[in-house]
Each structure stands twice: as structure tokens, then as C-alpha cells.
Amino acid sequence: MANSMLGKWEEAARDLHAAPNIDYDDEIRTTLKKVEPNVHKIVEHRRKYDRLWKERNDKKAERDRLRRRAEI
């Protein structure tokens, strides 16, 4: 739960998912419900920018390929 208080959402979710295997506590479940939306936002944000980065690199590779073909 300390990670969630520090804003380390991904680490907090990982810890909270493992916690019920060690010791079941209702507080863990309520904290996990608060943490999961933040983790979801982070994952979606990362996925979006990874996709944009890949698209940009693909376009650049295509431009380079066409430029090399035009030079020949």
C-alpha cells in the first residue's frame, strides 16, 4: 500500500495482486480498487504512445525506402 501512497501505481497493483496469496484482507481489495483505474490509465497511455512511435517509424522507413528507390 505504500507504493500506492507514493503514486507508484504499477508497483502497487503488482503488490496488491500478490497480497491475497499471503494474507487475505478486505483493505487490500479496497486499495486495489483505487489503484487499478490509475494503472489502467498508465497502460493505455503507454500503449497509445508506443503505437504512435511505431507508426512514425514505419512512415519514416517507407519515406527512406521510396527516396532510395528514386535515387536509383
N, C-alpha and C. Protein backbone atom coordinates (compact mmCIF):
# COMPACT_ATOMS: atom_id res chain seq x y z
N MET A 1 0.82 -1.19 0.00
CA MET A 1 0.00 0.00 0.00
C MET A 1 0.86 1.26 0.00
N ALA A 2 2.10 1.10 0.43
CA ALA A 2 2.98 2.27 0.45
C ALA A 2 3.24 2.78 -0.96
N ASN A 3 3.37 1.86 -1.91
CA ASN A 3 3.60 2.29 -3.29
C ASN A 3 2.43 3.10 -3.82
N SER A 4 1.21 2.73 -3.43
CA SER A 4 0.06 3.50 -3.91
C SER A 4 0.05 4.90 -3.30
N MET A 5 0.51 5.02 -2.07
CA MET A 5 0.59 6.33 -1.45
C MET A 5 1.67 7.19 -2.09
N LEU A 6 2.68 6.54 -2.64
CA LEU A 6 3.77 7.26 -3.30
C LEU A 6 3.47 7.53 -4.76
N GLY A 7 2.36 7.00 -5.26
CA GLY A 7 1.99 7.22 -6.65
C GLY A 7 2.64 6.24 -7.61
N LYS A 8 3.22 5.19 -7.09
CA LYS A 8 3.83 4.16 -7.93
C LYS A 8 2.76 3.11 -8.22
N TRP A 9 1.88 3.46 -9.16
CA TRP A 9 0.66 2.69 -9.37
C TRP A 9 0.91 1.28 -9.88
N GLU A 10 1.83 1.12 -10.80
CA GLU A 10 2.08 -0.22 -11.35
C GLU A 10 2.67 -1.15 -10.30
N GLU A 11 3.62 -0.65 -9.53
CA GLU A 11 4.21 -1.46 -8.47
C GLU A 11 3.16 -1.78 -7.40
N ALA A 12 2.32 -0.82 -7.09
CA ALA A 12 1.27 -1.03 -6.09
C ALA A 12 0.31 -2.11 -6.55
N ALA A 13 -0.10 -2.07 -7.81
CA ALA A 13 -1.02 -3.08 -8.33
C ALA A 13 -0.39 -4.46 -8.28
N ARG A 14 0.87 -4.54 -8.66
CA ARG A 14 1.58 -5.83 -8.62
C ARG A 14 1.60 -6.38 -7.19
N ASP A 15 1.94 -5.52 -6.23
CA ASP A 15 2.00 -5.94 -4.83
C ASP A 15 0.62 -6.34 -4.32
N LEU A 16 -0.39 -5.56 -4.67
CA LEU A 16 -1.73 -5.83 -4.16
C LEU A 16 -2.35 -7.08 -4.79
N HIS A 17 -1.95 -7.41 -6.01
CA HIS A 17 -2.44 -8.66 -6.62
C HIS A 17 -1.79 -9.87 -5.95
N ALA A 18 -0.57 -9.72 -5.47
CA ALA A 18 0.13 -10.82 -4.81
C ALA A 18 -0.26 -10.95 -3.34
N ALA A 19 -0.73 -9.88 -2.73
CA ALA A 19 -1.01 -9.86 -1.29
C ALA A 19 -2.06 -10.87 -0.84
N PRO A 20 -3.17 -11.08 -1.56
CA PRO A 20 -4.15 -12.06 -1.07
C PRO A 20 -3.60 -13.48 -0.98
N ASN A 21 -2.58 -13.80 -1.73
CA ASN A 21 -1.97 -15.13 -1.63
C ASN A 21 -1.23 -15.30 -0.31
N ILE A 22 -0.78 -14.19 0.26
CA ILE A 22 -0.04 -14.24 1.52
C ILE A 22 -1.01 -14.14 2.70
N ASP A 23 -1.87 -13.13 2.68
CA ASP A 23 -2.80 -12.91 3.78
C ASP A 23 -4.00 -12.13 3.26
N TYR A 24 -5.20 -12.70 3.38
CA TYR A 24 -6.39 -12.04 2.86
C TYR A 24 -6.81 -10.92 3.80
N ASP A 25 -7.14 -9.77 3.22
CA ASP A 25 -7.58 -8.62 3.99
C ASP A 25 -8.50 -7.79 3.09
N ASP A 26 -9.65 -7.35 3.63
CA ASP A 26 -10.58 -6.53 2.85
C ASP A 26 -9.97 -5.19 2.46
N GLU A 27 -9.09 -4.67 3.28
CA GLU A 27 -8.45 -3.39 2.98
C GLU A 27 -7.62 -3.47 1.70
N ILE A 28 -7.04 -4.63 1.47
CA ILE A 28 -6.25 -4.83 0.25
C ILE A 28 -7.14 -4.69 -0.97
N ARG A 29 -8.32 -5.30 -0.90
CA ARG A 29 -9.23 -5.24 -2.04
C ARG A 29 -9.70 -3.81 -2.29
N THR A 30 -10.01 -3.05 -1.25
CA THR A 30 -10.46 -1.67 -1.45
C THR A 30 -9.33 -0.80 -2.01
N THR A 31 -8.12 -1.03 -1.54
CA THR A 31 -6.98 -0.28 -2.07
C THR A 31 -6.74 -0.64 -3.53
N LEU A 32 -6.88 -1.91 -3.86
CA LEU A 32 -6.69 -2.36 -5.24
C LEU A 32 -7.73 -1.73 -6.16
N LYS A 33 -8.96 -1.56 -5.67
CA LYS A 33 -10.00 -0.91 -6.47
C LYS A 33 -9.65 0.55 -6.76
N LYS A 34 -8.92 1.19 -5.86
CA LYS A 34 -8.50 2.57 -6.07
C LYS A 34 -7.30 2.64 -7.01
N VAL A 35 -6.44 1.65 -6.96
CA VAL A 35 -5.20 1.65 -7.73
C VAL A 35 -5.43 1.25 -9.18
N GLU A 36 -6.29 0.28 -9.42
CA GLU A 36 -6.46 -0.26 -10.77
C GLU A 36 -6.86 0.78 -11.83
N PRO A 37 -7.75 1.74 -11.55
CA PRO A 37 -8.03 2.75 -12.59
C PRO A 37 -6.79 3.55 -13.00
N ASN A 38 -5.95 3.86 -12.04
CA ASN A 38 -4.72 4.60 -12.35
C ASN A 38 -3.77 3.76 -13.20
N VAL A 39 -3.66 2.48 -12.86
CA VAL A 39 -2.81 1.59 -13.63
C VAL A 39 -3.34 1.46 -15.04
N HIS A 40 -4.66 1.36 -15.17
CA HIS A 40 -5.28 1.24 -16.50
C HIS A 40 -4.96 2.48 -17.35
N LYS A 41 -5.03 3.66 -16.74
CA LYS A 41 -4.72 4.90 -17.47
C LYS A 41 -3.26 4.90 -17.94
N ILE A 42 -2.37 4.47 -17.08
CA ILE A 42 -0.95 4.44 -17.43
C ILE A 42 -0.70 3.46 -18.56
N VAL A 43 -1.29 2.28 -18.48
CA VAL A 43 -1.10 1.26 -19.51
C VAL A 43 -1.65 1.75 -20.85
N GLU A 44 -2.84 2.35 -20.84
CA GLU A 44 -3.43 2.86 -22.08
C GLU A 44 -2.59 3.98 -22.67
N HIS A 45 -2.08 4.85 -21.82
CA HIS A 45 -1.23 5.96 -22.28
C HIS A 45 0.03 5.40 -22.94
N ARG A 46 0.66 4.45 -22.28
CA ARG A 46 1.88 3.85 -22.82
C ARG A 46 1.59 3.14 -24.14
N ARG A 47 0.48 2.42 -24.20
CA ARG A 47 0.10 1.70 -25.42
C ARG A 47 -0.13 2.69 -26.57
N LYS A 48 -0.78 3.82 -26.27
CA LYS A 48 -1.06 4.83 -27.30
C LYS A 48 0.24 5.39 -27.87
N TYR A 49 1.17 5.77 -27.00
CA TYR A 49 2.40 6.37 -27.48
C TYR A 49 3.33 5.35 -28.12
N ASP A 50 3.27 4.09 -27.70
CA ASP A 50 4.03 3.05 -28.39
C ASP A 50 3.50 2.88 -29.81
N ARG A 51 2.18 2.90 -29.97
CA ARG A 51 1.58 2.77 -31.29
C ARG A 51 1.96 3.96 -32.17
N LEU A 52 1.88 5.18 -31.63
CA LEU A 52 2.25 6.37 -32.40
C LEU A 52 3.72 6.34 -32.79
N TRP A 53 4.58 5.90 -31.89
CA TRP A 53 6.01 5.81 -32.17
C TRP A 53 6.26 4.82 -33.30
N LYS A 54 5.58 3.67 -33.23
CA LYS A 54 5.73 2.66 -34.28
C LYS A 54 5.24 3.19 -35.63
N GLU A 55 4.09 3.86 -35.64
CA GLU A 55 3.58 4.42 -36.89
C GLU A 55 4.55 5.44 -37.48
N ARG A 56 5.10 6.29 -36.64
CA ARG A 56 6.04 7.30 -37.11
C ARG A 56 7.29 6.65 -37.70
N ASN A 57 7.80 5.63 -37.04
CA ASN A 57 8.98 4.94 -37.56
C ASN A 57 8.67 4.20 -38.84
N ASP A 58 7.48 3.62 -38.95
CA ASP A 58 7.09 2.93 -40.18
C ASP A 58 7.01 3.92 -41.34
N LYS A 59 6.43 5.10 -41.10
CA LYS A 59 6.33 6.12 -42.15
C LYS A 59 7.71 6.59 -42.57
N LYS A 60 8.59 6.77 -41.60
CA LYS A 60 9.94 7.22 -41.91
C LYS A 60 10.67 6.16 -42.74
N ALA A 61 10.52 4.90 -42.37
CA ALA A 61 11.16 3.83 -43.13
C ALA A 61 10.62 3.78 -44.55
N GLU A 62 9.32 3.99 -44.71
CA GLU A 62 8.72 3.99 -46.05
C GLU A 62 9.25 5.16 -46.88
N ARG A 63 9.36 6.34 -46.28
CA ARG A 63 9.91 7.50 -46.99
C ARG A 63 11.35 7.25 -47.41
N ASP A 64 12.14 6.68 -46.51
CA ASP A 64 13.53 6.37 -46.83
C ASP A 64 13.62 5.35 -47.97
N ARG A 65 12.77 4.35 -47.92
CA ARG A 65 12.75 3.33 -48.96
C ARG A 65 12.40 3.94 -50.31
N LEU A 66 11.39 4.80 -50.33
CA LEU A 66 10.99 5.45 -51.58
C LEU A 66 12.07 6.40 -52.09
N ARG A 67 12.74 7.10 -51.17
CA ARG A 67 13.80 8.01 -51.57
C ARG A 67 14.97 7.23 -52.18
N ARG A 68 15.33 6.11 -51.57
CA ARG A 68 16.41 5.29 -52.11
C ARG A 68 16.04 4.73 -53.48
N ARG A 69 14.78 4.35 -53.64
CA ARG A 69 14.32 3.82 -54.92
C ARG A 69 14.38 4.92 -55.99
N ALA A 70 14.04 6.15 -55.63
CA ALA A 70 14.04 7.27 -56.58
C ALA A 70 15.47 7.63 -56.99
N GLU A 71 16.43 7.41 -56.11
CA GLU A 71 17.82 7.74 -56.41
C GLU A 71 18.43 6.78 -57.43
N ILE A 72 17.91 5.60 -57.50
CA ILE A 72 18.48 4.58 -58.39
C ILE A 72 18.11 4.80 -59.81
